[in-house]
Amino acid sequence: NATYASSRFVMKENAINLNSVNLNYEFDNEWLKKKLKMDYLSLGFYAEDVFYISTIKQERGLYYPFARKFSLSITARF
């Protein structure tokens, strides 16, 4: 018997995802020198796999679960 093509297991996927975000803020040098006696101050934030929205449920296995990564950095010079 011949097996013919079918759309039984085909689904239309509409997805929105945010893979990575990097934010950094450098403080004003004059304010730092007056208030904190610092030459430089910077705050940073980084995130991976922030969100994923889809019409199809995303499946993950036991060995490769969905993981989000976040990091925060502070750089200071005196």
PDB file of N, CA and C in Angstrom:
ATOM      1  N   ASN A   1       0.831  -1.185   0.000  1.00  0.00           N
ATOM      2  CA  ASN A   1       0.000   0.000   0.000  1.00  0.00           C
ATOM      3  C   ASN A   1       0.872   1.245   0.000  1.00  0.00           C
ATOM      4  N   ALA A   2       0.475   2.224  -0.722  1.00  0.00           N
ATOM      5  CA  ALA A   2       1.199   3.484  -0.795  1.00  0.00           C
ATOM      6  C   ALA A   2       0.737   4.406   0.333  1.00  0.00           C
ATOM      7  N   THR A   3       1.676   5.179   0.897  1.00  0.00           N
ATOM      8  CA  THR A   3       1.364   6.162   1.922  1.00  0.00           C
ATOM      9  C   THR A   3       1.412   7.540   1.259  1.00  0.00           C
ATOM     10  N   TYR A   4       0.306   8.252   1.354  1.00  0.00           N
ATOM     11  CA  TYR A   4       0.218   9.561   0.708  1.00  0.00           C
ATOM     12  C   TYR A   4       0.459  10.674   1.722  1.00  0.00           C
ATOM     13  N   ALA A   5       0.940  11.798   1.235  1.00  0.00           N
ATOM     14  CA  ALA A   5       1.208  12.958   2.098  1.00  0.00           C
ATOM     15  C   ALA A   5      -0.086  13.470   2.709  1.00  0.00           C
ATOM     16  N   SER A   6       0.020  13.919   3.947  1.00  0.00           N
ATOM     17  CA  SER A   6      -1.139  14.416   4.677  1.00  0.00           C
ATOM     18  C   SER A   6      -0.739  15.639   5.504  1.00  0.00           C
ATOM     19  N   SER A   7      -1.700  16.473   5.792  1.00  0.00           N
ATOM     20  CA  SER A   7      -1.433  17.631   6.652  1.00  0.00           C
ATOM     21  C   SER A   7      -1.882  17.361   8.086  1.00  0.00           C
ATOM     22  N   ARG A   8      -2.036  16.119   8.447  1.00  0.00           N
ATOM     23  CA  ARG A   8      -2.550  15.747   9.766  1.00  0.00           C
ATOM     24  C   ARG A   8      -1.663  16.265  10.902  1.00  0.00           C
ATOM     25  N   PHE A   9      -0.353  16.164  10.763  1.00  0.00           N
ATOM     26  CA  PHE A   9       0.560  16.575  11.834  1.00  0.00           C
ATOM     27  C   PHE A   9       1.258  17.901  11.549  1.00  0.00           C
ATOM     28  N   VAL A  10       0.797  18.650  10.590  1.00  0.00           N
ATOM     29  CA  VAL A  10       1.393  19.938  10.247  1.00  0.00           C
ATOM     30  C   VAL A  10       0.603  21.041  10.940  1.00  0.00           C
ATOM     31  N   MET A  11       1.327  21.908  11.655  1.00  0.00           N
ATOM     32  CA  MET A  11       0.696  23.014  12.354  1.00  0.00           C
ATOM     33  C   MET A  11       1.369  24.318  11.931  1.00  0.00           C
ATOM     34  N   LYS A  12       0.602  25.373  11.907  1.00  0.00           N
ATOM     35  CA  LYS A  12       1.152  26.687  11.601  1.00  0.00           C
ATOM     36  C   LYS A  12       1.685  27.289  12.897  1.00  0.00           C
ATOM     37  N   GLU A  13       2.933  27.730  12.854  1.00  0.00           N
ATOM     38  CA  GLU A  13       3.538  28.294  14.052  1.00  0.00           C
ATOM     39  C   GLU A  13       3.713  29.803  13.903  1.00  0.00           C
ATOM     40  N   ASN A  14       3.128  30.530  14.822  1.00  0.00           N
ATOM     41  CA  ASN A  14       3.329  31.967  14.960  1.00  0.00           C
ATOM     42  C   ASN A  14       4.086  32.164  16.264  1.00  0.00           C
ATOM     43  N   ALA A  15       5.268  32.775  16.190  1.00  0.00           N
ATOM     44  CA  ALA A  15       6.101  32.872  17.390  1.00  0.00           C
ATOM     45  C   ALA A  15       6.736  34.244  17.512  1.00  0.00           C
ATOM     46  N   ILE A  16       6.910  34.647  18.762  1.00  0.00           N
ATOM     47  CA  ILE A  16       7.665  35.844  19.113  1.00  0.00           C
ATOM     48  C   ILE A  16       8.627  35.420  20.213  1.00  0.00           C
ATOM     49  N   ASN A  17       9.917  35.729  20.023  1.00  0.00           N
ATOM     50  CA  ASN A  17      10.864  35.392  21.072  1.00  0.00           C
ATOM     51  C   ASN A  17      11.907  36.489  21.220  1.00  0.00           C
ATOM     52  N   LEU A  18      12.437  36.598  22.415  1.00  0.00           N
ATOM     53  CA  LEU A  18      13.506  37.544  22.721  1.00  0.00           C
ATOM     54  C   LEU A  18      14.694  36.718  23.181  1.00  0.00           C
ATOM     55  N   ASN A  19      15.728  36.660  22.328  1.00  0.00           N
ATOM     56  CA  ASN A  19      16.879  35.794  22.605  1.00  0.00           C
ATOM     57  C   ASN A  19      17.846  36.390  23.622  1.00  0.00           C
ATOM     58  N   SER A  20      18.170  37.672  23.479  1.00  0.00           N
ATOM     59  CA  SER A  20      19.109  38.264  24.429  1.00  0.00           C
ATOM     60  C   SER A  20      18.860  39.762  24.596  1.00  0.00           C
ATOM     61  N   VAL A  21      19.202  40.242  25.790  1.00  0.00           N
ATOM     62  CA  VAL A  21      19.066  41.654  26.138  1.00  0.00           C
ATOM     63  C   VAL A  21      20.338  42.069  26.864  1.00  0.00           C
ATOM     64  N   ASN A  22      20.877  43.218  26.492  1.00  0.00           N
ATOM     65  CA  ASN A  22      22.060  43.753  27.153  1.00  0.00           C
ATOM     66  C   ASN A  22      21.811  45.234  27.448  1.00  0.00           C
ATOM     67  N   LEU A  23      21.788  45.595  28.724  1.00  0.00           N
ATOM     68  CA  LEU A  23      21.581  46.979  29.149  1.00  0.00           C
ATOM     69  C   LEU A  23      22.771  47.429  29.981  1.00  0.00           C
ATOM     70  N   ASN A  24      23.224  48.652  29.759  1.00  0.00           N
ATOM     71  CA  ASN A  24      24.358  49.186  30.491  1.00  0.00           C
ATOM     72  C   ASN A  24      24.110  50.666  30.781  1.00  0.00           C
ATOM     73  N   TYR A  25      24.448  51.086  31.987  1.00  0.00           N
ATOM     74  CA  TYR A  25      24.281  52.490  32.364  1.00  0.00           C
ATOM     75  C   TYR A  25      25.573  52.992  32.990  1.00  0.00           C
ATOM     76  N   GLU A  26      26.075  54.110  32.480  1.00  0.00           N
ATOM     77  CA  GLU A  26      27.260  54.758  33.047  1.00  0.00           C
ATOM     78  C   GLU A  26      26.816  56.020  33.787  1.00  0.00           C
ATOM     79  N   PHE A  27      27.221  56.143  35.039  1.00  0.00           N
ATOM     80  CA  PHE A  27      26.841  57.284  35.860  1.00  0.00           C
ATOM     81  C   PHE A  27      27.642  58.522  35.474  1.00  0.00           C
ATOM     82  N   ASP A  28      27.081  59.681  35.770  1.00  0.00           N
ATOM     83  CA  ASP A  28      27.713  60.967  35.485  1.00  0.00           C
ATOM     84  C   ASP A  28      28.986  61.126  36.321  1.00  0.00           C
ATOM     85  N   ASN A  29      30.097  61.469  35.666  1.00  0.00           N
ATOM     86  CA  ASN A  29      31.392  61.570  36.349  1.00  0.00           C
ATOM     87  C   ASN A  29      31.420  62.667  37.400  1.00  0.00           C
ATOM     88  N   GLU A  30      30.832  63.819  37.131  1.00  0.00           N
ATOM     89  CA  GLU A  30      30.860  64.928  38.093  1.00  0.00           C
ATOM     90  C   GLU A  30      30.126  64.566  39.379  1.00  0.00           C
ATOM     91  N   TRP A  31      28.965  63.945  39.255  1.00  0.00           N
ATOM     92  CA  TRP A  31      28.194  63.531  40.432  1.00  0.00           C
ATOM     93  C   TRP A  31      28.970  62.498  41.241  1.00  0.00           C
ATOM     94  N   LEU A  32      29.618  61.556  40.553  1.00  0.00           N
ATOM     95  CA  LEU A  32      30.401  60.518  41.239  1.00  0.00           C
ATOM     96  C   LEU A  32      31.555  61.115  42.033  1.00  0.00           C
ATOM     97  N   LYS A  33      32.257  62.065  41.428  1.00  0.00           N
ATOM     98  CA  LYS A  33      33.409  62.665  42.111  1.00  0.00           C
ATOM     99  C   LYS A  33      32.983  63.457  43.342  1.00  0.00           C
ATOM    100  N   LYS A  34      31.867  64.170  43.243  1.00  0.00           N
ATOM    101  CA  LYS A  34      31.399  64.977  44.379  1.00  0.00           C
ATOM    102  C   LYS A  34      30.845  64.114  45.503  1.00  0.00           C
ATOM    103  N   LYS A  35      29.968  63.179  45.167  1.00  0.00           N
ATOM    104  CA  LYS A  35      29.236  62.428  46.187  1.00  0.00           C
ATOM    105  C   LYS A  35      29.966  61.185  46.692  1.00  0.00           C
ATOM    106  N   LEU A  36      30.580  60.403  45.789  1.00  0.00           N
ATOM    107  CA  LEU A  36      31.143  59.109  46.169  1.00  0.00           C
ATOM    108  C   LEU A  36      32.663  59.027  46.058  1.00  0.00           C
ATOM    109  N   LYS A  37      33.319  60.099  45.593  1.00  0.00           N
ATOM    110  CA  LYS A  37      34.772  60.124  45.410  1.00  0.00           C
ATOM    111  C   LYS A  37      35.241  59.014  44.475  1.00  0.00           C
ATOM    112  N   MET A  38      34.488  58.790  43.409  1.00  0.00           N
ATOM    113  CA  MET A  38      34.811  57.749  42.428  1.00  0.00           C
ATOM    114  C   MET A  38      35.080  58.397  41.073  1.00  0.00           C
ATOM    115  N   ASP A  39      35.916  57.739  40.265  1.00  0.00           N
ATOM    116  CA  ASP A  39      36.195  58.227  38.914  1.00  0.00           C
ATOM    117  C   ASP A  39      35.205  57.684  37.888  1.00  0.00           C
ATOM    118  N   TYR A  40      34.724  56.458  38.106  1.00  0.00           N
ATOM    119  CA  TYR A  40      33.863  55.807  37.105  1.00  0.00           C
ATOM    120  C   TYR A  40      32.978  54.764  37.786  1.00  0.00           C
ATOM    121  N   LEU A  41      31.708  54.684  37.365  1.00  0.00           N
ATOM    122  CA  LEU A  41      30.794  53.658  37.856  1.00  0.00           C
ATOM    123  C   LEU A  41      29.835  53.268  36.736  1.00  0.00           C
ATOM    124  N   SER A  42      29.717  51.971  36.524  1.00  0.00           N
ATOM    125  CA  SER A  42      28.852  51.441  35.470  1.00  0.00           C
ATOM    126  C   SER A  42      28.104  50.227  36.001  1.00  0.00           C
ATOM    127  N   LEU A  43      26.817  50.141  35.664  1.00  0.00           N
ATOM    128  CA  LEU A  43      25.994  48.986  35.999  1.00  0.00           C
ATOM    129  C   LEU A  43      25.539  48.329  34.705  1.00  0.00           C
ATOM    130  N   GLY A  44      25.594  46.997  34.665  1.00  0.00           N
ATOM    131  CA  GLY A  44      25.189  46.280  33.465  1.00  0.00           C
ATOM    132  C   GLY A  44      24.293  45.103  33.793  1.00  0.00           C
ATOM    133  N   PHE A  45      23.420  44.781  32.855  1.00  0.00           N
ATOM    134  CA  PHE A  45      22.512  43.641  32.997  1.00  0.00           C
ATOM    135  C   PHE A  45      22.473  42.906  31.667  1.00  0.00           C
ATOM    136  N   TYR A  46      22.569  41.582  31.714  1.00  0.00           N
ATOM    137  CA  TYR A  46      22.530  40.754  30.509  1.00  0.00           C
ATOM    138  C   TYR A  46      21.618  39.556  30.761  1.00  0.00           C
ATOM    139  N   ALA A  47      20.772  39.225  29.774  1.00  0.00           N
ATOM    140  CA  ALA A  47      19.873  38.077  29.900  1.00  0.00           C
ATOM    141  C   ALA A  47      19.782  37.340  28.564  1.00  0.00           C
ATOM    142  N   GLU A  48      19.681  36.009  28.642  1.00  0.00           N
ATOM    143  CA  GLU A  48      19.502  35.164  27.460  1.00  0.00           C
ATOM    144  C   GLU A  48      18.201  34.379  27.596  1.00  0.00           C
ATOM    145  N   ASP A  49      17.578  34.094  26.467  1.00  0.00           N
ATOM    146  CA  ASP A  49      16.309  33.347  26.425  1.00  0.00           C
ATOM    147  C   ASP A  49      15.281  33.972  27.352  1.00  0.00           C
ATOM    148  N   VAL A  50      15.015  35.251  27.133  1.00  0.00           N
ATOM    149  CA  VAL A  50      14.148  36.012  28.017  1.00  0.00           C
ATOM    150  C   VAL A  50      12.702  35.516  27.941  1.00  0.00           C
ATOM    151  N   PHE A  51      12.142  35.408  26.730  1.00  0.00           N
ATOM    152  CA  PHE A  51      10.808  34.826  26.607  1.00  0.00           C
ATOM    153  C   PHE A  51      10.596  34.241  25.222  1.00  0.00           C
ATOM    154  N   TYR A  52       9.621  33.340  25.147  1.00  0.00           N
ATOM    155  CA  TYR A  52       9.248  32.679  23.899  1.00  0.00           C
ATOM    156  C   TYR A  52       7.736  32.457  23.938  1.00  0.00           C
ATOM    157  N   ILE A  53       7.024  33.060  22.998  1.00  0.00           N
ATOM    158  CA  ILE A  53       5.572  32.919  22.914  1.00  0.00           C
ATOM    159  C   ILE A  53       5.254  32.324  21.551  1.00  0.00           C
ATOM    160  N   SER A  54       4.486  31.227  21.546  1.00  0.00           N
ATOM    161  CA  SER A  54       4.195  30.546  20.290  1.00  0.00           C
ATOM    162  C   SER A  54       2.803  29.931  20.326  1.00  0.00           C
ATOM    163  N   THR A  55       2.260  29.693  19.133  1.00  0.00           N
ATOM    164  CA  THR A  55       0.976  29.007  19.041  1.00  0.00           C
ATOM    165  C   THR A  55       1.147  27.502  19.221  1.00  0.00           C
ATOM    166  N   ILE A  56       2.375  27.016  19.145  1.00  0.00           N
ATOM    167  CA  ILE A  56       2.683  25.596  19.350  1.00  0.00           C
ATOM    168  C   ILE A  56       3.498  25.469  20.629  1.00  0.00           C
ATOM    169  N   LYS A  57       3.142  24.511  21.478  1.00  0.00           N
ATOM    170  CA  LYS A  57       3.862  24.303  22.724  1.00  0.00           C
ATOM    171  C   LYS A  57       5.281  23.823  22.409  1.00  0.00           C
ATOM    172  N   GLN A  58       6.273  24.507  22.992  1.00  0.00           N
ATOM    173  CA  GLN A  58       7.669  24.146  22.778  1.00  0.00           C
ATOM    174  C   GLN A  58       8.034  23.013  23.722  1.00  0.00           C
ATOM    175  N   GLU A  59       8.508  21.923  23.162  1.00  0.00           N
ATOM    176  CA  GLU A  59       8.857  20.765  23.978  1.00  0.00           C
ATOM    177  C   GLU A  59      10.348  20.745  24.243  1.00  0.00           C
ATOM    178  N   ARG A  60      10.697  20.432  25.465  1.00  0.00           N
ATOM    179  CA  ARG A  60      12.094  20.286  25.859  1.00  0.00           C
ATOM    180  C   ARG A  60      12.254  18.906  26.477  1.00  0.00           C
ATOM    181  N   GLY A  61      13.383  18.294  26.237  1.00  0.00           N
ATOM    182  CA  GLY A  61      13.643  16.974  26.794  1.00  0.00           C
ATOM    183  C   GLY A  61      14.173  17.050  28.213  1.00  0.00           C
ATOM    184  N   LEU A  62      14.410  15.906  28.799  1.00  0.00           N
ATOM    185  CA  LEU A  62      14.948  15.853  30.150  1.00  0.00           C
ATOM    186  C   LEU A  62      16.411  16.258  30.193  1.00  0.00           C
ATOM    187  N   TYR A  63      17.136  16.022  29.123  1.00  0.00           N
ATOM    188  CA  TYR A  63      18.558  16.318  29.092  1.00  0.00           C
ATOM    189  C   TYR A  63      18.857  17.760  28.670  1.00  0.00           C
ATOM    190  N   TYR A  64      17.931  18.405  28.001  1.00  0.00           N
ATOM    191  CA  TYR A  64      18.109  19.782  27.558  1.00  0.00           C
ATOM    192  C   TYR A  64      16.913  20.630  27.979  1.00  0.00           C
ATOM    193  N   PRO A  65      16.732  20.897  29.273  1.00  0.00           N
ATOM    194  CA  PRO A  65      15.588  21.709  29.711  1.00  0.00           C
ATOM    195  C   PRO A  65      15.771  23.173  29.323  1.00  0.00           C
ATOM    196  N   PHE A  66      14.665  23.893  29.299  1.00  0.00           N
ATOM    197  CA  PHE A  66      14.688  25.313  28.974  1.00  0.00           C
ATOM    198  C   PHE A  66      15.348  26.069  30.120  1.00  0.00           C
ATOM    199  N   ALA A  67      16.389  26.824  29.827  1.00  0.00           N
ATOM    200  CA  ALA A  67      17.116  27.551  30.868  1.00  0.00           C
ATOM    201  C   ALA A  67      17.276  29.009  30.469  1.00  0.00           C
ATOM    202  N   ARG A  68      17.063  29.887  31.423  1.00  0.00           N
ATOM    203  CA  ARG A  68      17.304  31.309  31.220  1.00  0.00           C
ATOM    204  C   ARG A  68      18.588  31.682  31.948  1.00  0.00           C
ATOM    205  N   LYS A  69      19.324  32.633  31.376  1.00  0.00           N
ATOM    206  CA  LYS A  69      20.576  33.071  31.987  1.00  0.00           C
ATOM    207  C   LYS A  69      20.489  34.570  32.247  1.00  0.00           C
ATOM    208  N   PHE A  70      20.881  34.972  33.454  1.00  0.00           N
ATOM    209  CA  PHE A  70      20.887  36.373  33.834  1.00  0.00           C
ATOM    210  C   PHE A  70      22.239  36.698  34.463  1.00  0.00           C
ATOM    211  N   SER A  71      22.752  37.882  34.179  1.00  0.00           N
ATOM    212  CA  SER A  71      23.979  38.313  34.843  1.00  0.00           C
ATOM    213  C   SER A  71      23.911  39.816  35.094  1.00  0.00           C
ATOM    214  N   LEU A  72      24.543  40.219  36.170  1.00  0.00           N
ATOM    215  CA  LEU A  72      24.594  41.616  36.583  1.00  0.00           C
ATOM    216  C   LEU A  72      26.057  41.976  36.796  1.00  0.00           C
ATOM    217  N   SER A  73      26.483  43.129  36.299  1.00  0.00           N
ATOM    218  CA  SER A  73      27.876  43.535  36.469  1.00  0.00           C
ATOM    219  C   SER A  73      27.951  44.956  37.025  1.00  0.00           C
ATOM    220  N   ILE A  74      28.951  45.183  37.850  1.00  0.00           N
ATOM    221  CA  ILE A  74      29.233  46.501  38.412  1.00  0.00           C
ATOM    222  C   ILE A  74      30.718  46.770  38.173  1.00  0.00           C
ATOM    223  N   THR A  75      31.002  47.895  37.541  1.00  0.00           N
ATOM    224  CA  THR A  75      32.387  48.294  37.296  1.00  0.00           C
ATOM    225  C   THR A  75      32.623  49.634  37.967  1.00  0.00           C
ATOM    226  N   ALA A  76      33.662  49.690  38.800  1.00  0.00           N
ATOM    227  CA  ALA A  76      33.959  50.916  39.550  1.00  0.00           C
ATOM    228  C   ALA A  76      35.462  51.199  39.495  1.00  0.00           C
ATOM    229  N   ARG A  77      35.788  52.479  39.377  1.00  0.00           N
ATOM    230  CA  ARG A  77      37.189  52.928  39.459  1.00  0.00           C
ATOM    231  C   ARG A  77      37.256  54.056  40.472  1.00  0.00           C
ATOM    232  N   PHE A  78      38.255  53.971  41.321  1.00  0.00           N
ATOM    233  CA  PHE A  78      38.438  54.993  42.381  1.00  0.00           C
ATOM    234  C   PHE A  78      39.648  55.838  42.083  1.00  0.00           C
TER     235      PHE A  78
END
